[in-house]
C-alpha cells in the first residue's frame, strides 16, 4: 500500500488526474482514463458501475485497500476521495505497476 501511496503522490505532482465519481465516468466515456482507483468503502452500485465502464473502456481498475479518507490523504487532499481516474501518469510508473492495469495501449 505504501508503494501505491508514493506513486499516487508522484502522479499528483507530475501527472493529470480527475477526482470524483462524475469526472471519473467522464474520462472513461471519453477514453482518456489510464487507470481508475476505487476506495474500499465506495457504495457497491457505484463500484460496479465504474467497473463496468472501465471494462468497456479497457481500463485497469485498482481497488485501494484504504477507505475514502485514506485515499484522499494519499492524494494529498484534505477531503475524502472515493474514486479517482488517472489520465496522465506523468513521471510515475503507476500504470505499469498495477496488477490488472496491464498496459493496454490504444491503437
C-alpha atoms as a PDB file:
ATOM      1  CA  UNK A   1       0.000   0.000   0.000  1.00  0.00           C
ATOM      2  CA  UNK A   2       2.901   2.328   0.717  1.00  0.00           C
ATOM      3  CA  UNK A   3       4.206   1.933  -2.819  1.00  0.00           C
ATOM      4  CA  UNK A   4       0.792   2.894  -4.165  1.00  0.00           C
ATOM      5  CA  UNK A   5       0.719   5.983  -1.971  1.00  0.00           C
ATOM      6  CA  UNK A   6       4.147   7.134  -3.121  1.00  0.00           C
ATOM      7  CA  UNK A   7       3.211   6.531  -6.761  1.00  0.00           C
ATOM      8  CA  UNK A   8      -0.043   8.414  -6.250  1.00  0.00           C
ATOM      9  CA  UNK A   9       1.880  11.322  -4.763  1.00  0.00           C
ATOM     10  CA  UNK A  10       4.068  11.374  -7.853  1.00  0.00           C
ATOM     11  CA  UNK A  11       1.006  11.385 -10.113  1.00  0.00           C
ATOM     12  CA  UNK A  12      -0.442  14.296  -8.124  1.00  0.00           C
ATOM     13  CA  UNK A  13       2.794  16.224  -8.646  1.00  0.00           C
ATOM     14  CA  UNK A  14       3.614  15.444 -12.255  1.00  0.00           C
ATOM     15  CA  UNK A  15       0.549  13.888 -13.882  1.00  0.00           C
ATOM     16  CA  UNK A  16      -3.062  14.628 -14.719  1.00  0.00           C
ATOM     17  CA  UNK A  17      -5.968  13.124 -12.845  1.00  0.00           C
ATOM     18  CA  UNK A  18      -9.652  13.544 -12.105  1.00  0.00           C
ATOM     19  CA  UNK A  19     -11.060  13.154  -8.638  1.00  0.00           C
ATOM     20  CA  UNK A  20     -14.629  12.105  -8.044  1.00  0.00           C
ATOM     21  CA  UNK A  21     -17.271   9.847  -9.455  1.00  0.00           C
ATOM     22  CA  UNK A  22     -18.739  12.053 -12.181  1.00  0.00           C
ATOM     23  CA  UNK A  23     -15.387  13.098 -13.589  1.00  0.00           C
ATOM     24  CA  UNK A  24     -14.093   9.529 -13.462  1.00  0.00           C
ATOM     25  CA  UNK A  25     -17.054   8.364 -15.527  1.00  0.00           C
ATOM     26  CA  UNK A  26     -16.486  11.258 -17.910  1.00  0.00           C
ATOM     27  CA  UNK A  27     -12.854  10.294 -18.509  1.00  0.00           C
ATOM     28  CA  UNK A  28     -13.867   6.663 -19.000  1.00  0.00           C
ATOM     29  CA  UNK A  29     -16.520   7.619 -21.552  1.00  0.00           C
ATOM     30  CA  UNK A  30     -14.071   9.824 -23.423  1.00  0.00           C
ATOM     31  CA  UNK A  31     -11.455   7.073 -23.341  1.00  0.00           C
ATOM     32  CA  UNK A  32      -8.940   9.323 -21.600  1.00  0.00           C
ATOM     33  CA  UNK A  33      -8.574   7.316 -18.417  1.00  0.00           C
ATOM     34  CA  UNK A  34      -5.456   5.173 -17.969  1.00  0.00           C
ATOM     35  CA  UNK A  35      -6.219   3.774 -14.530  1.00  0.00           C
ATOM     36  CA  UNK A  36      -9.126   4.030 -12.104  1.00  0.00           C
ATOM     37  CA  UNK A  37      -8.636   3.737  -8.352  1.00  0.00           C
ATOM     38  CA  UNK A  38     -11.618   2.972  -6.129  1.00  0.00           C
ATOM     39  CA  UNK A  39     -11.666   3.291  -2.331  1.00  0.00           C
ATOM     40  CA  UNK A  40     -12.730   0.274  -0.309  1.00  0.00           C
ATOM     41  CA  UNK A  41     -15.893   1.866   1.091  1.00  0.00           C
ATOM     42  CA  UNK A  42     -17.353   3.023  -2.226  1.00  0.00           C
ATOM     43  CA  UNK A  43     -21.041   2.009  -2.438  1.00  0.00           C
ATOM     44  CA  UNK A  44     -21.388  -1.345  -4.279  1.00  0.00           C
ATOM     45  CA  UNK A  45     -23.664   0.011  -7.003  1.00  0.00           C
ATOM     46  CA  UNK A  46     -21.283   2.859  -7.776  1.00  0.00           C
ATOM     47  CA  UNK A  47     -18.315   0.484  -7.665  1.00  0.00           C
ATOM     48  CA  UNK A  48     -19.883  -1.939 -10.124  1.00  0.00           C
ATOM     49  CA  UNK A  49     -20.934   0.901 -12.420  1.00  0.00           C
ATOM     50  CA  UNK A  50     -17.366   2.202 -12.584  1.00  0.00           C
ATOM     51  CA  UNK A  51     -16.034  -1.328 -13.125  1.00  0.00           C
ATOM     52  CA  UNK A  52     -18.471  -1.785 -15.991  1.00  0.00           C
ATOM     53  CA  UNK A  53     -17.458   1.475 -17.652  1.00  0.00           C
ATOM     54  CA  UNK A  54     -13.793   0.568 -17.146  1.00  0.00           C
ATOM     55  CA  UNK A  55     -14.349  -2.829 -18.732  1.00  0.00           C
ATOM     56  CA  UNK A  56     -15.903  -1.173 -21.782  1.00  0.00           C
ATOM     57  CA  UNK A  57     -13.040   1.309 -21.947  1.00  0.00           C
ATOM     58  CA  UNK A  58     -10.480  -1.488 -21.379  1.00  0.00           C
ATOM     59  CA  UNK A  59      -9.060   0.472 -18.447  1.00  0.00           C
ATOM     60  CA  UNK A  60      -7.487  -1.078 -15.373  1.00  0.00           C
ATOM     61  CA  UNK A  61      -9.305  -0.747 -12.048  1.00  0.00           C
ATOM     62  CA  UNK A  62      -7.372  -0.832  -8.820  1.00  0.00           C
ATOM     63  CA  UNK A  63      -9.187  -1.449  -5.552  1.00  0.00           C
ATOM     64  CA  UNK A  64      -7.480   0.716  -2.971  1.00  0.00           C
ATOM     65  CA  UNK A  65      -7.196  -1.076   0.361  1.00  0.00           C
ATOM     66  CA  UNK A  66      -7.975   2.004   2.458  1.00  0.00           C
ATOM     67  CA  UNK A  67     -11.271   3.863   2.674  1.00  0.00           C
ATOM     68  CA  UNK A  68     -12.073   7.192   1.053  1.00  0.00           C
ATOM     69  CA  UNK A  69     -10.470   9.140   3.911  1.00  0.00           C
ATOM     70  CA  UNK A  70      -7.160   7.395   3.331  1.00  0.00           C
ATOM     71  CA  UNK A  71      -7.386   7.716  -0.437  1.00  0.00           C
ATOM     72  CA  UNK A  72      -7.947  11.460  -0.087  1.00  0.00           C
ATOM     73  CA  UNK A  73      -4.916  11.689   2.184  1.00  0.00           C
ATOM     74  CA  UNK A  74      -2.827   9.647  -0.274  1.00  0.00           C
ATOM     75  CA  UNK A  75      -3.768  12.179  -2.960  1.00  0.00           C
ATOM     76  CA  UNK A  76      -2.573  14.972  -0.692  1.00  0.00           C
ATOM     77  CA  UNK A  77      -6.073  16.386  -0.323  1.00  0.00           C
ATOM     78  CA  UNK A  78      -7.899  17.341   2.842  1.00  0.00           C
ATOM     79  CA  UNK A  79     -11.154  15.781   1.733  1.00  0.00           C
ATOM     80  CA  UNK A  80     -12.457  12.279   1.045  1.00  0.00           C
ATOM     81  CA  UNK A  81     -11.931  10.737  -2.377  1.00  0.00           C
ATOM     82  CA  UNK A  82     -13.917   7.642  -3.354  1.00  0.00           C
ATOM     83  CA  UNK A  83     -12.857   7.348  -6.973  1.00  0.00           C
ATOM     84  CA  UNK A  84     -10.061   8.845  -8.977  1.00  0.00           C
ATOM     85  CA  UNK A  85      -9.088   8.474 -12.585  1.00  0.00           C
ATOM     86  CA  UNK A  86      -5.522   8.936 -13.814  1.00  0.00           C
ATOM     87  CA  UNK A  87      -5.453  10.443 -17.302  1.00  0.00           C
ATOM     88  CA  UNK A  88      -1.709  11.064 -17.461  1.00  0.00           C
ATOM     89  CA  UNK A  89       0.655   9.301 -15.052  1.00  0.00           C
ATOM     90  CA  UNK A  90       3.443  11.869 -15.501  1.00  0.00           C
ATOM     91  CA  UNK A  91       6.759  10.566 -14.149  1.00  0.00           C
ATOM     92  CA  UNK A  92       5.069   7.752 -12.238  1.00  0.00           C
ATOM     93  CA  UNK A  93       5.104   4.089 -13.230  1.00  0.00           C
ATOM     94  CA  UNK A  94       1.751   3.537 -11.515  1.00  0.00           C
ATOM     95  CA  UNK A  95       0.083   2.239 -14.696  1.00  0.00           C
ATOM     96  CA  UNK A  96       2.715  -0.433 -15.329  1.00  0.00           C
ATOM     97  CA  UNK A  97       2.991  -1.463 -11.704  1.00  0.00           C
ATOM     98  CA  UNK A  98      -0.698  -2.101 -11.082  1.00  0.00           C
ATOM     99  CA  UNK A  99      -1.983  -5.641 -11.455  1.00  0.00           C
ATOM    100  CA  UNK A 100      -4.867  -5.679 -13.906  1.00  0.00           C
ATOM    101  CA  UNK A 101      -3.824  -2.404 -15.490  1.00  0.00           C
ATOM    102  CA  UNK A 102      -1.525  -4.427 -17.755  1.00  0.00           C
ATOM    103  CA  UNK A 103      -0.605  -1.623 -20.140  1.00  0.00           C
ATOM    104  CA  UNK A 104      -3.435  -1.550 -22.653  1.00  0.00           C
ATOM    105  CA  UNK A 105      -2.336   0.858 -25.302  1.00  0.00           C
ATOM    106  CA  UNK A 106      -4.726   2.485 -27.736  1.00  0.00           C
ATOM    107  CA  UNK A 107      -4.154   1.723 -31.362  1.00  0.00           C
END
